[in-house]
Amino acid sequence: MPVVSCNRKKMRDQPYITKDIGGHWRTVYSENAEAFSDSFYEGLELMETDPKKAEKIFKQIITVCGNGHIDAILHLGFLYNETNKKIEGNALIHKAHNIALQAIPKDFDSTKERIEWGHIDNRPFLRTFHAIGLEYMEEEQYDKAIEKFNFILNVNPNDNQGVRFLVEDCNQKLKK
């Protein structure tokens, strides 16, 4: 794992959403977060076969990057949920989603703007909305889940995550 010095200024290390040259919105991460992409993918590969080692990798990334690597935070949450540490797992999923919410600029209009899955850097951001929506479904908070899934559908109408079907499931549960 590379050794990277970390600037601990909160907002500077956190991801943010900005328009690129083509007018598309994209998620920007700190250099610290980008330096850990190989380690992160190693952790992903180990989640099934060696969860302890995956946990260690994700924790090391989070220690160095703080809130800057939302995918490491989110996947550590997934790992904890899979290993029956639901309280810790759900807390991390909520944390990753809150970081994603903070990344959205005040002038962003989710009914008109796009944050598309096709731009790889947007995937961790969109995954947090998907994950929190699933958490809300599990908690039977279907209205909240629909709100998160509709955000995804607005900003990424191609629905690469299949949330259209989850909205349908929530509406059935609500008898709508």
Foldseek 3Di string as FASTA:
>chain_A
DDDDAADPPVVQQFWAWDADPVRAIFIDGDPLQVVCPVLLVVLVVCLVPPVVVSLVSLVVSCVRRPNRHLLSLQVNLVSCVVVVNNVSSVVSLVSSQVSLVVRYDPPDDLQPHAHEVVPVRSVSSLVSLQVVLVVCVVVLVLVSSLVSLVSNCSRYVVPPPVCVVVNVVSCVSVVD
